[in-house]
Amino acid sequence: MRIKIALLFLLLTLSASAANPELYLRRDDGGQNGAELAFETSPQWYLRLGANYNAETKHLSVPVSLLYKVPGKVILWSFYGGAGISLERESEEIRPYLVGGTEFLFLYSECLFSMEKNSEPILRGGFHFRF
């Protein structure tokens, strides 16, 4: 319980002091819903925290990733890449992954490459908002 309270205070502290927060929302056909919040920790570096929930299997995962956004844009696209971990509630596993993606106006798409054996890349997309 103490760890959860400490993580909540850390998240609130980061959100209060972070510059340029960004929100990523998605909903997949398979019943997977997710929201992630990215905080700019230094120029071009973002810490992204979120939650993914699958309504069909009642599965919750908490992804945490560090992203590097490439400076500049190509026409209207911007690109990013990084690495992260996903904390799985049911199986109590930690799953590392690499991520690469692009943002276009208020949309985003990205590909997650799991570091586990025999796993397929996951392509996902959704809405992206800057505050």
Protein backbone atom coordinates (compact mmCIF):
# COMPACT_ATOMS: atom_id res chain seq x y z
CA MET A 1 0.00 0.00 0.00
CA ARG A 2 2.85 2.38 0.80
CA ILE A 3 4.35 1.86 -2.65
CA LYS A 4 1.03 2.78 -4.31
CA ILE A 5 0.77 5.97 -2.24
CA ALA A 6 4.39 6.87 -3.04
CA LEU A 7 3.79 6.31 -6.76
CA LEU A 8 0.64 8.46 -6.62
CA PHE A 9 2.55 11.32 -4.97
CA LEU A 10 5.35 10.94 -7.52
CA LEU A 11 2.82 11.12 -10.37
CA LEU A 12 1.14 14.20 -8.88
CA THR A 13 4.51 15.90 -8.39
CA LEU A 14 5.54 15.17 -11.97
CA SER A 15 2.23 16.40 -13.37
CA ALA A 16 2.41 19.63 -11.38
CA SER A 17 5.98 20.43 -12.40
CA ALA A 18 6.07 18.96 -15.91
CA ALA A 19 6.12 21.12 -18.97
CA ASN A 20 4.12 20.23 -22.07
CA PRO A 21 2.02 17.28 -20.85
CA GLU A 22 0.51 15.10 -23.57
CA LEU A 23 -2.41 12.66 -23.47
CA TYR A 24 -2.69 9.49 -25.59
CA LEU A 25 -6.10 7.76 -25.86
CA ARG A 26 -6.97 4.57 -27.72
CA ARG A 27 -9.68 1.96 -28.09
CA ASP A 28 -9.08 -1.27 -30.01
CA ASP A 29 -11.55 -3.64 -31.64
CA GLY A 30 -10.62 -6.41 -29.21
CA GLY A 31 -12.05 -4.54 -26.21
CA GLN A 32 -8.70 -3.01 -25.22
CA ASN A 33 -8.93 0.55 -23.85
CA GLY A 34 -5.98 2.65 -22.82
CA ALA A 35 -4.85 6.07 -21.72
CA GLU A 36 -1.31 7.31 -21.23
CA LEU A 37 0.04 10.62 -20.03
CA ALA A 38 3.46 11.85 -21.18
CA PHE A 39 5.54 14.42 -19.29
CA GLU A 40 8.46 16.26 -20.83
CA THR A 41 11.41 15.61 -18.52
CA SER A 42 13.98 17.46 -20.65
CA PRO A 43 13.97 18.75 -24.23
CA GLN A 44 12.81 15.91 -26.52
CA TRP A 45 12.67 13.33 -23.66
CA TYR A 46 9.29 12.23 -22.31
CA LEU A 47 8.24 9.94 -19.45
CA ARG A 48 4.97 8.21 -20.35
CA LEU A 49 2.74 6.52 -17.75
CA GLY A 50 -0.61 4.90 -18.36
CA ALA A 51 -3.10 2.09 -17.96
CA ASN A 52 -4.51 -0.45 -20.41
CA TYR A 53 -7.65 -2.41 -19.65
CA ASN A 54 -9.20 -5.27 -21.61
CA ALA A 55 -12.92 -5.48 -20.78
CA GLU A 56 -13.33 -9.01 -22.17
CA THR A 57 -10.58 -10.66 -20.15
CA LYS A 58 -10.61 -8.11 -17.27
CA HIS A 59 -6.86 -7.70 -17.72
CA LEU A 60 -5.06 -4.56 -16.47
CA SER A 61 -1.53 -3.51 -17.39
CA VAL A 62 0.43 -0.40 -16.47
CA PRO A 63 3.00 0.68 -19.09
CA VAL A 64 5.87 3.00 -18.21
CA SER A 65 8.17 4.19 -20.99
CA LEU A 66 10.85 6.73 -21.79
CA LEU A 67 10.50 8.30 -25.25
CA TYR A 68 12.80 10.42 -27.38
CA LYS A 69 10.99 12.69 -29.85
CA VAL A 70 13.04 13.50 -32.94
CA PRO A 71 13.39 17.30 -33.25
CA GLY A 72 11.53 18.89 -36.15
CA LYS A 73 8.75 17.58 -38.33
CA VAL A 74 8.47 16.05 -41.77
CA ILE A 75 5.57 17.96 -43.31
CA LEU A 76 3.03 17.37 -40.48
CA TRP A 77 4.51 14.19 -38.98
CA SER A 78 6.76 13.93 -35.96
CA PHE A 79 8.55 10.73 -34.93
CA TYR A 80 9.58 9.15 -31.63
CA GLY A 81 11.13 6.01 -30.23
CA GLY A 82 11.98 4.58 -26.86
CA ALA A 83 11.82 1.69 -24.43
CA GLY A 84 9.58 0.73 -21.57
CA ILE A 85 8.11 -1.91 -19.33
CA SER A 86 4.57 -3.11 -18.84
CA LEU A 87 3.48 -4.22 -15.37
CA GLU A 88 0.83 -6.94 -15.64
CA ARG A 89 -1.58 -7.07 -12.69
CA GLU A 90 -2.97 -10.59 -13.08
CA SER A 91 0.24 -12.46 -13.84
CA GLU A 92 2.43 -10.08 -11.79
CA GLU A 93 5.01 -10.00 -14.60
CA ILE A 94 7.17 -7.22 -15.91
CA ARG A 95 7.41 -7.21 -19.71
CA PRO A 96 10.02 -4.99 -21.43
CA TYR A 97 9.40 -3.56 -24.90
CA LEU A 98 10.72 -1.16 -27.54
CA VAL A 99 8.40 1.40 -29.12
CA GLY A 100 8.53 3.43 -32.31
CA GLY A 101 5.82 5.76 -33.52
CA THR A 102 4.62 8.85 -35.29
CA GLU A 103 2.24 11.72 -34.52
CA PHE A 104 0.10 13.46 -37.12
CA LEU A 105 -1.98 16.47 -36.00
CA PHE A 106 -4.16 14.96 -33.22
CA LEU A 107 -3.61 11.28 -34.19
CA TYR A 108 -0.80 8.86 -33.39
CA SER A 109 0.28 5.37 -34.39
CA GLU A 110 3.00 3.25 -32.88
CA CYS A 111 4.46 -0.22 -32.93
CA LEU A 112 5.45 -2.08 -29.76
CA PHE A 113 8.16 -4.71 -30.03
CA SER A 114 8.09 -7.04 -27.03
CA MET A 115 11.46 -8.30 -25.81
CA GLU A 116 9.98 -11.73 -25.03
CA LYS A 117 10.59 -14.76 -27.22
CA ASN A 118 7.99 -15.69 -29.86
CA SER A 119 6.00 -12.48 -29.50
CA GLU A 120 4.47 -10.52 -32.34
CA PRO A 121 4.81 -6.74 -32.73
CA ILE A 122 1.69 -4.81 -31.69
CA LEU A 123 0.47 -1.97 -33.91
CA ARG A 124 -1.83 0.52 -32.21
CA GLY A 125 -3.10 4.03 -32.71
CA GLY A 126 -5.47 6.60 -31.34
CA PHE A 127 -5.85 10.22 -30.38
CA HIS A 128 -3.06 12.47 -29.15
CA PHE A 129 -3.61 15.79 -27.36
CA ARG A 130 -1.08 18.41 -26.20
CA PHE A 131 -1.85 20.76 -23.31
